Amino acid sequence: MQSLVINLLNGVSYGLLLFMLSAGLTLIFSMLGVLNFAHAGFYMLGAYVGFSVAARAGFWSALVFAPLVVGLLGAALERWLLRRVRTHGHLPELLLTFGAAYLLGELVKLGWGLNPLSATVPAVLDGPLFTVYGAAFARYRAFMMAVSLAMLVVLYAVLRVSKTGLIVRAALTHASAVEALGHNVPRVFTGVFAAGTALAALAGVIGAPLFVIEPAMAESLGSIVFVVVVIGGLGSLSGALAASLLVGCVQTLAVATDVSLGDVLSIVGVSLPVDWDALTLAQLAPLLPYLLLVAMLALRPRGLFGRHDDHA
């Protein structure tokens, strides 16, 4: 019980990292209607670019330059490839981003090799922030939470309050009218796609010290991000936030417990074979997001905050 607070905070910090990654995917889908399968690849690329920049110029430079570089690459993908196939429907868009995901994976292997890399926590953020009954909460996790919340505030300000957000939202439904007012709608869409991929790269840089940097990181975390987006509701930032916190806390608390599956099911009077009964929630933790996904699709297919009529 004494470590419950720390485990809960760790779950929230992990959930906010998932939100930082899923926010970019949600932004692209809600604004462009594109389900970007290469999004996790941009997250991976951000981690690798951030690692290289940090090795030469420090962590804080990586925090700026990696999202910038990856965002420019995302803008190039939208401008010269995705825009060309958009007129042919959503299937070519999906296939293009699917191919781009594999291309990013191979480029990473060619550039950095197959061996895993380990990013270091900057000295100022190293060590515990506080302890509760002997259990420590890392200062770096608090920093990660602060960056995620700051990103949420900036996104809300840009999309809901600023003139830029008004133009972007108007271009979704009244593109011709926005163009008649002198705004370049294709350039707006390119900027949105670049911003989404830059957010993925930012998550890669910040998450790198907590995870191993390797070519398989896109597949391992990318599938969970799509789970988050579907549970929250396609295109809903508020849904992505709620689902990220839900998945992050559920997985983290499950890993930290030694309760068996049989103990949990015995509460509702369900019995399992002996081999299954001995399984612990910690062993089942990797499956829990997908079980939540199945339950959500069965009970509420549009997700927590999804709508029937649009992507908002």
C-alpha atoms as a PDB file:
ATOM      1  CA  MET A   1       0.000   0.000   0.000  1.00  0.00           C
ATOM      2  CA  GLN A   2       2.864   2.386   0.761  1.00  0.00           C
ATOM      3  CA  SER A   3       4.071   2.237  -2.863  1.00  0.00           C
ATOM      4  CA  LEU A   4       0.590   2.724  -4.358  1.00  0.00           C
ATOM      5  CA  VAL A   5       1.070   6.475  -4.688  1.00  0.00           C
ATOM      6  CA  ILE A   6       4.414   6.065  -6.457  1.00  0.00           C
ATOM      7  CA  ASN A   7       3.066   3.375  -8.776  1.00  0.00           C
ATOM      8  CA  LEU A   8       0.083   5.555  -9.582  1.00  0.00           C
ATOM      9  CA  LEU A   9       2.345   8.512 -10.364  1.00  0.00           C
ATOM     10  CA  ASN A  10       4.513   6.280 -12.541  1.00  0.00           C
ATOM     11  CA  GLY A  11       1.354   5.157 -14.337  1.00  0.00           C
ATOM     12  CA  VAL A  12       0.257   8.746 -14.893  1.00  0.00           C
ATOM     13  CA  SER A  13       3.712   9.702 -16.212  1.00  0.00           C
ATOM     14  CA  TYR A  14       3.693   6.742 -18.606  1.00  0.00           C
ATOM     15  CA  GLY A  15       0.148   7.618 -19.644  1.00  0.00           C
ATOM     16  CA  LEU A  16       1.153  11.210 -20.384  1.00  0.00           C
ATOM     17  CA  LEU A  17       4.008   9.931 -22.538  1.00  0.00           C
ATOM     18  CA  LEU A  18       1.481   7.834 -24.447  1.00  0.00           C
ATOM     19  CA  PHE A  19      -0.663  10.943 -24.800  1.00  0.00           C
ATOM     20  CA  MET A  20       2.257  12.933 -26.199  1.00  0.00           C
ATOM     21  CA  LEU A  21       2.649  10.259 -28.856  1.00  0.00           C
ATOM     22  CA  SER A  22      -1.047   9.669 -29.505  1.00  0.00           C
ATOM     23  CA  ALA A  23      -1.810  13.415 -29.622  1.00  0.00           C
ATOM     24  CA  GLY A  24       0.138  13.774 -32.854  1.00  0.00           C
ATOM     25  CA  LEU A  25      -1.670  10.821 -34.415  1.00  0.00           C
ATOM     26  CA  THR A  26      -5.024  12.191 -33.239  1.00  0.00           C
ATOM     27  CA  LEU A  27      -4.199  15.658 -34.544  1.00  0.00           C
ATOM     28  CA  ILE A  28      -3.374  14.310 -38.002  1.00  0.00           C
ATOM     29  CA  PHE A  29      -6.492  12.147 -38.148  1.00  0.00           C
ATOM     30  CA  SER A  30      -8.867  14.815 -36.859  1.00  0.00           C
ATOM     31  CA  MET A  31      -7.535  17.496 -39.206  1.00  0.00           C
ATOM     32  CA  LEU A  32      -6.611  15.507 -42.327  1.00  0.00           C
ATOM     33  CA  GLY A  33      -8.610  12.294 -41.939  1.00  0.00           C
ATOM     34  CA  VAL A  34      -5.402  10.260 -42.368  1.00  0.00           C
ATOM     35  CA  LEU A  35      -4.691   7.341 -40.021  1.00  0.00           C
ATOM     36  CA  ASN A  36      -0.902   7.614 -40.156  1.00  0.00           C
ATOM     37  CA  PHE A  37       0.610   4.123 -39.834  1.00  0.00           C
ATOM     38  CA  ALA A  38       4.093   5.666 -39.955  1.00  0.00           C
ATOM     39  CA  HIS A  39       3.492   7.647 -36.767  1.00  0.00           C
ATOM     40  CA  ALA A  40       5.348   5.211 -34.504  1.00  0.00           C
ATOM     41  CA  GLY A  41       8.200   5.264 -37.017  1.00  0.00           C
ATOM     42  CA  PHE A  42       8.531   9.021 -36.531  1.00  0.00           C
ATOM     43  CA  TYR A  43       8.561   8.397 -32.771  1.00  0.00           C
ATOM     44  CA  MET A  44      11.428   5.944 -33.249  1.00  0.00           C
ATOM     45  CA  LEU A  45      13.268   8.325 -35.575  1.00  0.00           C
ATOM     46  CA  GLY A  46      12.897  11.107 -33.014  1.00  0.00           C
ATOM     47  CA  ALA A  47      14.529   8.895 -30.386  1.00  0.00           C
ATOM     48  CA  TYR A  48      17.474   8.081 -32.667  1.00  0.00           C
ATOM     49  CA  VAL A  49      17.982  11.643 -33.887  1.00  0.00           C
ATOM     50  CA  GLY A  50      17.660  12.907 -30.319  1.00  0.00           C
ATOM     51  CA  PHE A  51      20.273  10.374 -29.171  1.00  0.00           C
ATOM     52  CA  SER A  52      22.749  11.575 -31.823  1.00  0.00           C
ATOM     53  CA  VAL A  53      22.122  15.265 -31.119  1.00  0.00           C
ATOM     54  CA  ALA A  54      22.346  14.743 -27.349  1.00  0.00           C
ATOM     55  CA  ALA A  55      25.698  12.969 -27.742  1.00  0.00           C
ATOM     56  CA  ARG A  56      27.131  16.076 -29.414  1.00  0.00           C
ATOM     57  CA  ALA A  57      25.168  19.054 -28.125  1.00  0.00           C
ATOM     58  CA  GLY A  58      23.355  17.828 -25.011  1.00  0.00           C
ATOM     59  CA  PHE A  59      19.855  16.717 -24.094  1.00  0.00           C
ATOM     60  CA  TRP A  60      18.264  20.179 -24.282  1.00  0.00           C
ATOM     61  CA  SER A  61      19.443  20.697 -27.846  1.00  0.00           C
ATOM     62  CA  ALA A  62      18.043  17.286 -28.758  1.00  0.00           C
ATOM     63  CA  LEU A  63      14.712  18.318 -27.278  1.00  0.00           C
ATOM     64  CA  VAL A  64      14.535  21.128 -29.847  1.00  0.00           C
ATOM     65  CA  PHE A  65      16.322  19.851 -32.940  1.00  0.00           C
ATOM     66  CA  ALA A  66      14.985  16.280 -33.112  1.00  0.00           C
ATOM     67  CA  PRO A  67      11.285  17.339 -33.333  1.00  0.00           C
ATOM     68  CA  LEU A  68      12.287  20.040 -35.827  1.00  0.00           C
ATOM     69  CA  VAL A  69      14.151  17.607 -38.105  1.00  0.00           C
ATOM     70  CA  VAL A  70      11.465  14.931 -37.922  1.00  0.00           C
ATOM     71  CA  GLY A  71       8.712  17.526 -38.389  1.00  0.00           C
ATOM     72  CA  LEU A  72      10.390  18.722 -41.594  1.00  0.00           C
ATOM     73  CA  LEU A  73      10.602  15.118 -42.795  1.00  0.00           C
ATOM     74  CA  GLY A  74       6.900  14.686 -42.041  1.00  0.00           C
ATOM     75  CA  ALA A  75       6.133  17.871 -43.962  1.00  0.00           C
ATOM     76  CA  ALA A  76       8.082  16.523 -46.945  1.00  0.00           C
ATOM     77  CA  LEU A  77       6.138  13.244 -46.791  1.00  0.00           C
ATOM     78  CA  GLU A  78       2.812  15.080 -46.818  1.00  0.00           C
ATOM     79  CA  ARG A  79       3.839  17.644 -49.445  1.00  0.00           C
ATOM     80  CA  TRP A  80       5.414  15.394 -52.077  1.00  0.00           C
ATOM     81  CA  LEU A  81       3.818  12.003 -51.473  1.00  0.00           C
ATOM     82  CA  LEU A  82       0.651  12.016 -49.382  1.00  0.00           C
ATOM     83  CA  ARG A  83      -0.853  14.988 -51.187  1.00  0.00           C
ATOM     84  CA  ARG A  84      -0.452  13.204 -54.525  1.00  0.00           C
ATOM     85  CA  VAL A  85      -2.519  10.189 -53.468  1.00  0.00           C
ATOM     86  CA  ARG A  86      -5.152  12.020 -51.394  1.00  0.00           C
ATOM     87  CA  THR A  87      -7.457  12.443 -54.380  1.00  0.00           C
ATOM     88  CA  HIS A  88      -7.600   8.651 -54.806  1.00  0.00           C
ATOM     89  CA  GLY A  89      -9.178   7.978 -51.409  1.00  0.00           C
ATOM     90  CA  HIS A  90      -8.161   6.719 -47.972  1.00  0.00           C
ATOM     91  CA  LEU A  91      -6.827   3.305 -48.994  1.00  0.00           C
ATOM     92  CA  PRO A  92      -3.846   4.715 -50.956  1.00  0.00           C
ATOM     93  CA  GLU A  93      -3.125   7.023 -48.001  1.00  0.00           C
ATOM     94  CA  LEU A  94      -3.056   4.067 -45.615  1.00  0.00           C
ATOM     95  CA  LEU A  95      -0.833   2.040 -47.924  1.00  0.00           C
ATOM     96  CA  LEU A  96       1.548   4.967 -48.361  1.00  0.00           C
ATOM     97  CA  THR A  97       1.967   5.536 -44.630  1.00  0.00           C
ATOM     98  CA  PHE A  98       2.267   1.775 -44.103  1.00  0.00           C
ATOM     99  CA  GLY A  99       5.124   1.672 -46.608  1.00  0.00           C
ATOM    100  CA  ALA A 100       6.694   4.761 -45.039  1.00  0.00           C
ATOM    101  CA  ALA A 101       6.727   2.973 -41.662  1.00  0.00           C
ATOM    102  CA  TYR A 102       8.824   0.143 -43.092  1.00  0.00           C
ATOM    103  CA  LEU A 103      11.060   2.611 -44.904  1.00  0.00           C
ATOM    104  CA  LEU A 104      11.753   4.514 -41.674  1.00  0.00           C
ATOM    105  CA  GLY A 105      12.584   1.255 -39.924  1.00  0.00           C
ATOM    106  CA  GLU A 106      15.107   0.275 -42.591  1.00  0.00           C
ATOM    107  CA  LEU A 107      16.659   3.752 -42.647  1.00  0.00           C
ATOM    108  CA  VAL A 108      17.182   3.574 -38.891  1.00  0.00           C
ATOM    109  CA  LYS A 109      18.900   0.190 -39.236  1.00  0.00           C
ATOM    110  CA  LEU A 110      21.177   1.540 -41.957  1.00  0.00           C
ATOM    111  CA  GLY A 111      22.009   4.717 -40.054  1.00  0.00           C
ATOM    112  CA  TRP A 112      22.403   3.459 -36.483  1.00  0.00           C
ATOM    113  CA  GLY A 113      22.709  -0.302 -36.805  1.00  0.00           C
ATOM    114  CA  LEU A 114      20.810  -3.109 -35.066  1.00  0.00           C
ATOM    115  CA  ASN A 115      22.346  -2.836 -31.612  1.00  0.00           C
ATOM    116  CA  PRO A 116      20.254  -1.178 -28.891  1.00  0.00           C
ATOM    117  CA  LEU A 117      21.310   2.247 -27.652  1.00  0.00           C
ATOM    118  CA  SER A 118      20.913   3.702 -24.184  1.00  0.00           C
ATOM    119  CA  ALA A 119      20.092   7.381 -23.677  1.00  0.00           C
ATOM    120  CA  THR A 120      21.121   9.028 -20.414  1.00  0.00           C
ATOM    121  CA  VAL A 121      19.057  11.256 -18.175  1.00  0.00           C
ATOM    122  CA  PRO A 122      20.477  14.799 -17.938  1.00  0.00           C
ATOM    123  CA  ALA A 123      22.256  15.435 -14.634  1.00  0.00           C
ATOM    124  CA  VAL A 124      19.836  18.145 -13.514  1.00  0.00           C
ATOM    125  CA  LEU A 125      16.905  15.709 -13.860  1.00  0.00           C
ATOM    126  CA  ASP A 126      18.640  12.670 -12.389  1.00  0.00           C
ATOM    127  CA  GLY A 127      17.672  11.297  -9.009  1.00  0.00           C
ATOM    128  CA  PRO A 128      14.443  11.173  -6.980  1.00  0.00           C
ATOM    129  CA  LEU A 129      12.113  14.132  -6.652  1.00  0.00           C
ATOM    130  CA  PHE A 130      10.568  12.848  -3.421  1.00  0.00           C
ATOM    131  CA  THR A 131       9.999   9.587  -1.554  1.00  0.00           C
ATOM    132  CA  VAL A 132       6.869   8.067  -0.036  1.00  0.00           C
ATOM    133  CA  TYR A 133       7.503   5.390   2.616  1.00  0.00           C
ATOM    134  CA  GLY A 134      10.882   4.693   1.062  1.00  0.00           C
ATOM    135  CA  ALA A 135       9.611   4.500  -2.535  1.00  0.00           C
ATOM    136  CA  ALA A 136      11.116   7.184  -4.777  1.00  0.00           C
ATOM    137  CA  PHE A 137       9.478   9.109  -7.612  1.00  0.00           C
ATOM    138  CA  ALA A 138      12.030  10.054 -10.264  1.00  0.00           C
ATOM    139  CA  ARG A 139      12.630  13.703 -11.069  1.00  0.00           C
ATOM    140  CA  TYR A 140      12.785  12.863 -14.768  1.00  0.00           C
ATOM    141  CA  ARG A 141       9.276  11.403 -14.708  1.00  0.00           C
ATOM    142  CA  ALA A 142       7.991  14.629 -13.177  1.00  0.00           C
ATOM    143  CA  PHE A 143       9.698  16.531 -16.007  1.00  0.00           C
ATOM    144  CA  MET A 144       8.063  14.245 -18.552  1.00  0.00           C
ATOM    145  CA  MET A 145       4.657  14.905 -16.997  1.00  0.00           C
ATOM    146  CA  ALA A 146       5.264  18.671 -17.047  1.00  0.00           C
ATOM    147  CA  VAL A 147       6.218  18.628 -20.741  1.00  0.00           C
ATOM    148  CA  SER A 148       3.142  16.572 -21.636  1.00  0.00           C
ATOM    149  CA  LEU A 149       0.812  18.925 -19.755  1.00  0.00           C
ATOM    150  CA  ALA A 150       2.491  21.962 -21.323  1.00  0.00           C
ATOM    151  CA  MET A 151       1.983  20.388 -24.745  1.00  0.00           C
ATOM    152  CA  LEU A 152      -1.707  19.870 -23.936  1.00  0.00           C
ATOM    153  CA  VAL A 153      -2.091  23.540 -22.986  1.00  0.00           C
ATOM    154  CA  VAL A 154      -0.322  24.687 -26.163  1.00  0.00           C
ATOM    155  CA  LEU A 155      -2.458  22.441 -28.352  1.00  0.00           C
ATOM    156  CA  TYR A 156      -5.634  23.744 -26.757  1.00  0.00           C
ATOM    157  CA  ALA A 157      -4.497  27.355 -27.148  1.00  0.00           C
ATOM    158  CA  VAL A 158      -3.508  26.878 -30.785  1.00  0.00           C
ATOM    159  CA  LEU A 159      -6.532  24.855 -31.901  1.00  0.00           C
ATOM    160  CA  ARG A 160      -9.292  26.518 -29.877  1.00  0.00           C
ATOM    161  CA  VAL A 161      -8.180  30.080 -29.203  1.00  0.00           C
ATOM    162  CA  SER A 162      -5.678  31.251 -31.817  1.00  0.00           C
ATOM    163  CA  LYS A 163      -6.368  32.503 -35.338  1.00  0.00           C
ATOM    164  CA  THR A 164      -4.274  29.634 -36.710  1.00  0.00           C
ATOM    165  CA  GLY A 165      -6.571  27.086 -35.107  1.00  0.00           C
ATOM    166  CA  LEU A 166      -9.619  28.868 -36.523  1.00  0.00           C
ATOM    167  CA  ILE A 167      -8.136  28.687 -40.028  1.00  0.00           C
ATOM    168  CA  VAL A 168      -7.255  25.003 -39.634  1.00  0.00           C
ATOM    169  CA  ARG A 169     -10.728  24.053 -38.384  1.00  0.00           C
ATOM    170  CA  ALA A 170     -12.419  26.122 -41.082  1.00  0.00           C
ATOM    171  CA  ALA A 171     -10.290  24.514 -43.786  1.00  0.00           C
ATOM    172  CA  LEU A 172     -11.634  21.092 -42.853  1.00  0.00           C
ATOM    173  CA  THR A 173     -15.213  21.820 -43.831  1.00  0.00           C
ATOM    174  CA  HIS A 174     -15.016  24.966 -45.970  1.00  0.00           C
ATOM    175  CA  ALA A 175     -11.738  24.671 -47.844  1.00  0.00           C
ATOM    176  CA  SER A 176     -12.929  26.709 -50.823  1.00  0.00           C
ATOM    177  CA  ALA A 177     -14.087  29.589 -48.625  1.00  0.00           C
ATOM    178  CA  VAL A 178     -10.799  29.595 -46.723  1.00  0.00           C
ATOM    179  CA  GLU A 179      -8.847  29.659 -49.974  1.00  0.00           C
ATOM    180  CA  ALA A 180     -11.048  32.524 -51.211  1.00  0.00           C
ATOM    181  CA  LEU A 181      -9.953  34.497 -48.134  1.00  0.00           C
ATOM    182  CA  GLY A 182      -6.348  34.160 -49.244  1.00  0.00           C
ATOM    183  CA  HIS A 183      -5.177  31.208 -47.135  1.00  0.00           C
ATOM    184  CA  ASN A 184      -3.177  28.344 -48.604  1.00  0.00           C
ATOM    185  CA  VAL A 185      -5.162  25.297 -47.472  1.00  0.00           C
ATOM    186  CA  PRO A 186      -2.672  22.638 -48.702  1.00  0.00           C
ATOM    187  CA  ARG A 187       0.072  24.449 -46.776  1.00  0.00           C
ATOM    188  CA  VAL A 188      -2.126  24.407 -43.679  1.00  0.00           C
ATOM    189  CA  PHE A 189      -2.538  20.636 -43.990  1.00  0.00           C
ATOM    190  CA  THR A 190       1.216  20.225 -44.452  1.00  0.00           C
ATOM    191  CA  GLY A 191       1.796  22.217 -41.277  1.00  0.00           C
ATOM    192  CA  VAL A 192      -0.648  20.036 -39.352  1.00  0.00           C
ATOM    193  CA  PHE A 193       1.061  16.855 -40.526  1.00  0.00           C
ATOM    194  CA  ALA A 194       4.473  18.294 -39.642  1.00  0.00           C
ATOM    195  CA  ALA A 195       3.244  19.276 -36.177  1.00  0.00           C
ATOM    196  CA  GLY A 196       1.870  15.780 -35.577  1.00  0.00           C
ATOM    197  CA  THR A 197       5.119  14.074 -36.541  1.00  0.00           C
ATOM    198  CA  ALA A 198       7.111  16.580 -34.484  1.00  0.00           C
ATOM    199  CA  LEU A 199       5.040  15.654 -31.419  1.00  0.00           C
ATOM    200  CA  ALA A 200       5.860  11.995 -32.060  1.00  0.00           C
ATOM    201  CA  ALA A 201       9.561  12.862 -32.243  1.00  0.00           C
ATOM    202  CA  LEU A 202       9.298  14.864 -29.013  1.00  0.00           C
ATOM    203  CA  ALA A 203       7.834  11.796 -27.310  1.00  0.00           C
ATOM    204  CA  GLY A 204      10.724   9.769 -28.703  1.00  0.00           C
ATOM    205  CA  VAL A 205      13.343  12.128 -27.268  1.00  0.00           C
ATOM    206  CA  ILE A 206      11.686  12.305 -23.849  1.00  0.00           C
ATOM    207  CA  GLY A 207      10.880   8.604 -23.654  1.00  0.00           C
ATOM    208  CA  ALA A 208      14.348   7.457 -24.792  1.00  0.00           C
ATOM    209  CA  PRO A 209      15.997   7.567 -21.319  1.00  0.00           C
ATOM    210  CA  LEU A 210      13.227   5.336 -19.936  1.00  0.00           C
ATOM    211  CA  PHE A 211      13.251   2.746 -22.733  1.00  0.00           C
ATOM    212  CA  VAL A 212      15.882   1.063 -24.876  1.00  0.00           C
ATOM    213  CA  ILE A 213      16.390   2.723 -28.257  1.00  0.00           C
ATOM    214  CA  GLU A 214      16.130  -0.045 -30.855  1.00  0.00           C
ATOM    215  CA  PRO A 215      14.568  -0.617 -34.281  1.00  0.00           C
ATOM    216  CA  ALA A 216      11.749  -2.644 -32.704  1.00  0.00           C
ATOM    217  CA  MET A 217      10.587   0.232 -30.497  1.00  0.00           C
ATOM    218  CA  ALA A 218       8.151   1.449 -33.152  1.00  0.00           C
ATOM    219  CA  GLU A 219       6.318  -1.874 -33.204  1.00  0.00           C
ATOM    220  CA  SER A 220       6.332  -2.330 -29.423  1.00  0.00           C
ATOM    221  CA  LEU A 221       4.845   1.053 -28.569  1.00  0.00           C
ATOM    222  CA  GLY A 222       3.105   1.839 -31.847  1.00  0.00           C
ATOM    223  CA  SER A 223       0.453  -0.836 -31.383  1.00  0.00           C
ATOM    224  CA  ILE A 224      -0.374   0.504 -27.897  1.00  0.00           C
ATOM    225  CA  VAL A 225      -0.757   4.016 -29.324  1.00  0.00           C
ATOM    226  CA  PHE A 226      -3.342   2.794 -31.823  1.00  0.00           C
ATOM    227  CA  VAL A 227      -5.112   1.062 -28.933  1.00  0.00           C
ATOM    228  CA  VAL A 228      -5.161   4.388 -27.068  1.00  0.00           C
ATOM    229  CA  VAL A 229      -6.519   6.284 -30.059  1.00  0.00           C
ATOM    230  CA  VAL A 230      -9.312   3.758 -30.654  1.00  0.00           C
ATOM    231  CA  ILE A 231     -10.293   3.560 -26.979  1.00  0.00           C
ATOM    232  CA  GLY A 232     -10.342   7.344 -26.671  1.00  0.00           C
ATOM    233  CA  GLY A 233     -12.273   7.812 -29.908  1.00  0.00           C
ATOM    234  CA  LEU A 234     -10.723   8.475 -33.309  1.00  0.00           C
ATOM    235  CA  GLY A 235      -9.858  12.144 -33.680  1.00  0.00           C
ATOM    236  CA  SER A 236     -10.610  13.163 -30.074  1.00  0.00           C
ATOM    237  CA  LEU A 237      -7.748  14.772 -28.138  1.00  0.00           C
ATOM    238  CA  SER A 238      -9.683  14.606 -24.875  1.00  0.00           C
ATOM    239  CA  GLY A 239     -10.381  10.928 -25.541  1.00  0.00           C
ATOM    240  CA  ALA A 240      -6.693  10.300 -26.284  1.00  0.00           C
ATOM    241  CA  LEU A 241      -5.772  11.925 -22.962  1.00  0.00           C
ATOM    242  CA  ALA A 242      -8.293   9.861 -20.982  1.00  0.00           C
ATOM    243  CA  ALA A 243      -7.364   6.612 -22.735  1.00  0.00           C
ATOM    244  CA  SER A 244      -3.627   7.269 -22.328  1.00  0.00           C
ATOM    245  CA  LEU A 245      -4.011   7.766 -18.584  1.00  0.00           C
ATOM    246  CA  LEU A 246      -6.234   4.687 -18.342  1.00  0.00           C
ATOM    247  CA  VAL A 247      -3.820   2.422 -20.218  1.00  0.00           C
ATOM    248  CA  GLY A 248      -0.763   3.854 -18.481  1.00  0.00           C
ATOM    249  CA  CYS A 249      -2.174   3.393 -14.988  1.00  0.00           C
ATOM    250  CA  VAL A 250      -3.654  -0.047 -15.647  1.00  0.00           C
ATOM    251  CA  GLN A 251      -0.414  -1.410 -17.092  1.00  0.00           C
ATOM    252  CA  THR A 252       1.833   0.126 -14.436  1.00  0.00           C
ATOM    253  CA  LEU A 253      -0.322  -1.002 -11.505  1.00  0.00           C
ATOM    254  CA  ALA A 254      -0.614  -4.482 -12.994  1.00  0.00           C
ATOM    255  CA  VAL A 255       3.160  -4.804 -13.344  1.00  0.00           C
ATOM    256  CA  ALA A 256       3.652  -3.725  -9.729  1.00  0.00           C
ATOM    257  CA  THR A 257       1.245  -6.277  -8.229  1.00  0.00           C
ATOM    258  CA  ASP A 258       1.718  -9.946  -7.421  1.00  0.00           C
ATOM    259  CA  VAL A 259      -2.005 -10.771  -7.414  1.00  0.00           C
ATOM    260  CA  SER A 260      -2.864 -13.825  -9.475  1.00  0.00           C
ATOM    261  CA  LEU A 261      -5.544 -14.041 -12.126  1.00  0.00           C
ATOM    262  CA  GLY A 262      -7.301 -16.694 -10.078  1.00  0.00           C
ATOM    263  CA  ASP A 263      -7.564 -14.349  -7.085  1.00  0.00           C
ATOM    264  CA  VAL A 264      -9.202 -11.674  -9.240  1.00  0.00           C
ATOM    265  CA  LEU A 265     -11.696 -14.001 -10.928  1.00  0.00           C
ATOM    266  CA  SER A 266     -12.580 -15.711  -7.676  1.00  0.00           C
ATOM    267  CA  ILE A 267     -14.216 -12.450  -6.591  1.00  0.00           C
ATOM    268  CA  VAL A 268     -16.880 -12.927  -9.273  1.00  0.00           C
ATOM    269  CA  GLY A 269     -17.044 -16.685  -8.779  1.00  0.00           C
ATOM    270  CA  VAL A 270     -15.135 -17.714 -11.912  1.00  0.00           C
ATOM    271  CA  SER A 271     -12.676 -20.611 -11.698  1.00  0.00           C
ATOM    272  CA  LEU A 272      -9.851 -21.418 -14.106  1.00  0.00           C
ATOM    273  CA  PRO A 273      -7.637 -24.454 -14.775  1.00  0.00           C
ATOM    274  CA  VAL A 274      -4.636 -24.713 -12.456  1.00  0.00           C
ATOM    275  CA  ASP A 275      -2.153 -23.635 -15.139  1.00  0.00           C
ATOM    276  CA  TRP A 276      -4.139 -20.441 -15.832  1.00  0.00           C
ATOM    277  CA  ASP A 277      -5.041 -19.829 -12.214  1.00  0.00           C
ATOM    278  CA  ALA A 278      -1.387 -19.265 -11.258  1.00  0.00           C
ATOM    279  CA  LEU A 279      -0.829 -16.485 -13.798  1.00  0.00           C
ATOM    280  CA  THR A 280      -0.199 -13.101 -12.187  1.00  0.00           C
ATOM    281  CA  LEU A 281      -1.474  -9.742 -13.370  1.00  0.00           C
ATOM    282  CA  ALA A 282       2.152  -8.707 -13.886  1.00  0.00           C
ATOM    283  CA  GLN A 283       2.539 -11.482 -16.466  1.00  0.00           C
ATOM    284  CA  LEU A 284      -0.685 -10.409 -18.177  1.00  0.00           C
ATOM    285  CA  ALA A 285       0.161  -6.682 -18.154  1.00  0.00           C
ATOM    286  CA  PRO A 286       1.235  -6.562 -21.852  1.00  0.00           C
ATOM    287  CA  LEU A 287      -2.181  -7.982 -22.828  1.00  0.00           C
ATOM    288  CA  LEU A 288      -4.304  -5.594 -20.779  1.00  0.00           C
ATOM    289  CA  PRO A 289      -4.404  -2.708 -23.328  1.00  0.00           C
ATOM    290  CA  TYR A 290      -5.677  -5.094 -25.985  1.00  0.00           C
ATOM    291  CA  LEU A 291      -8.274  -6.551 -23.633  1.00  0.00           C
ATOM    292  CA  LEU A 292      -9.450  -2.979 -22.979  1.00  0.00           C
ATOM    293  CA  LEU A 293      -9.576  -2.435 -26.738  1.00  0.00           C
ATOM    294  CA  VAL A 294     -11.730  -5.509 -27.300  1.00  0.00           C
ATOM    295  CA  ALA A 295     -14.049  -4.512 -24.461  1.00  0.00           C
ATOM    296  CA  MET A 296     -14.376  -0.958 -25.816  1.00  0.00           C
ATOM    297  CA  LEU A 297     -15.122  -2.125 -29.354  1.00  0.00           C
ATOM    298  CA  ALA A 298     -17.768  -4.503 -28.008  1.00  0.00           C
ATOM    299  CA  LEU A 299     -19.464  -2.009 -25.689  1.00  0.00           C
ATOM    300  CA  ARG A 300     -18.838   1.389 -27.327  1.00  0.00           C
ATOM    301  CA  PRO A 301     -17.291   1.098 -30.812  1.00  0.00           C
ATOM    302  CA  ARG A 302     -16.845   4.855 -31.252  1.00  0.00           C
ATOM    303  CA  GLY A 303     -14.634   5.073 -28.142  1.00  0.00           C
ATOM    304  CA  LEU A 304     -14.872   7.161 -24.989  1.00  0.00           C
ATOM    305  CA  PHE A 305     -15.241  10.554 -26.678  1.00  0.00           C
ATOM    306  CA  GLY A 306     -15.699   9.635 -30.321  1.00  0.00           C
ATOM    307  CA  ARG A 307     -18.630  10.934 -32.328  1.00  0.00           C
ATOM    308  CA  HIS A 308     -20.762   9.361 -35.008  1.00  0.00           C
ATOM    309  CA  ASP A 309     -20.726  12.274 -37.398  1.00  0.00           C
ATOM    310  CA  ASP A 310     -17.190  13.646 -37.452  1.00  0.00           C
ATOM    311  CA  HIS A 311     -13.637  13.238 -36.259  1.00  0.00           C
ATOM    312  CA  ALA A 312     -13.661  15.981 -33.615  1.00  0.00           C
END
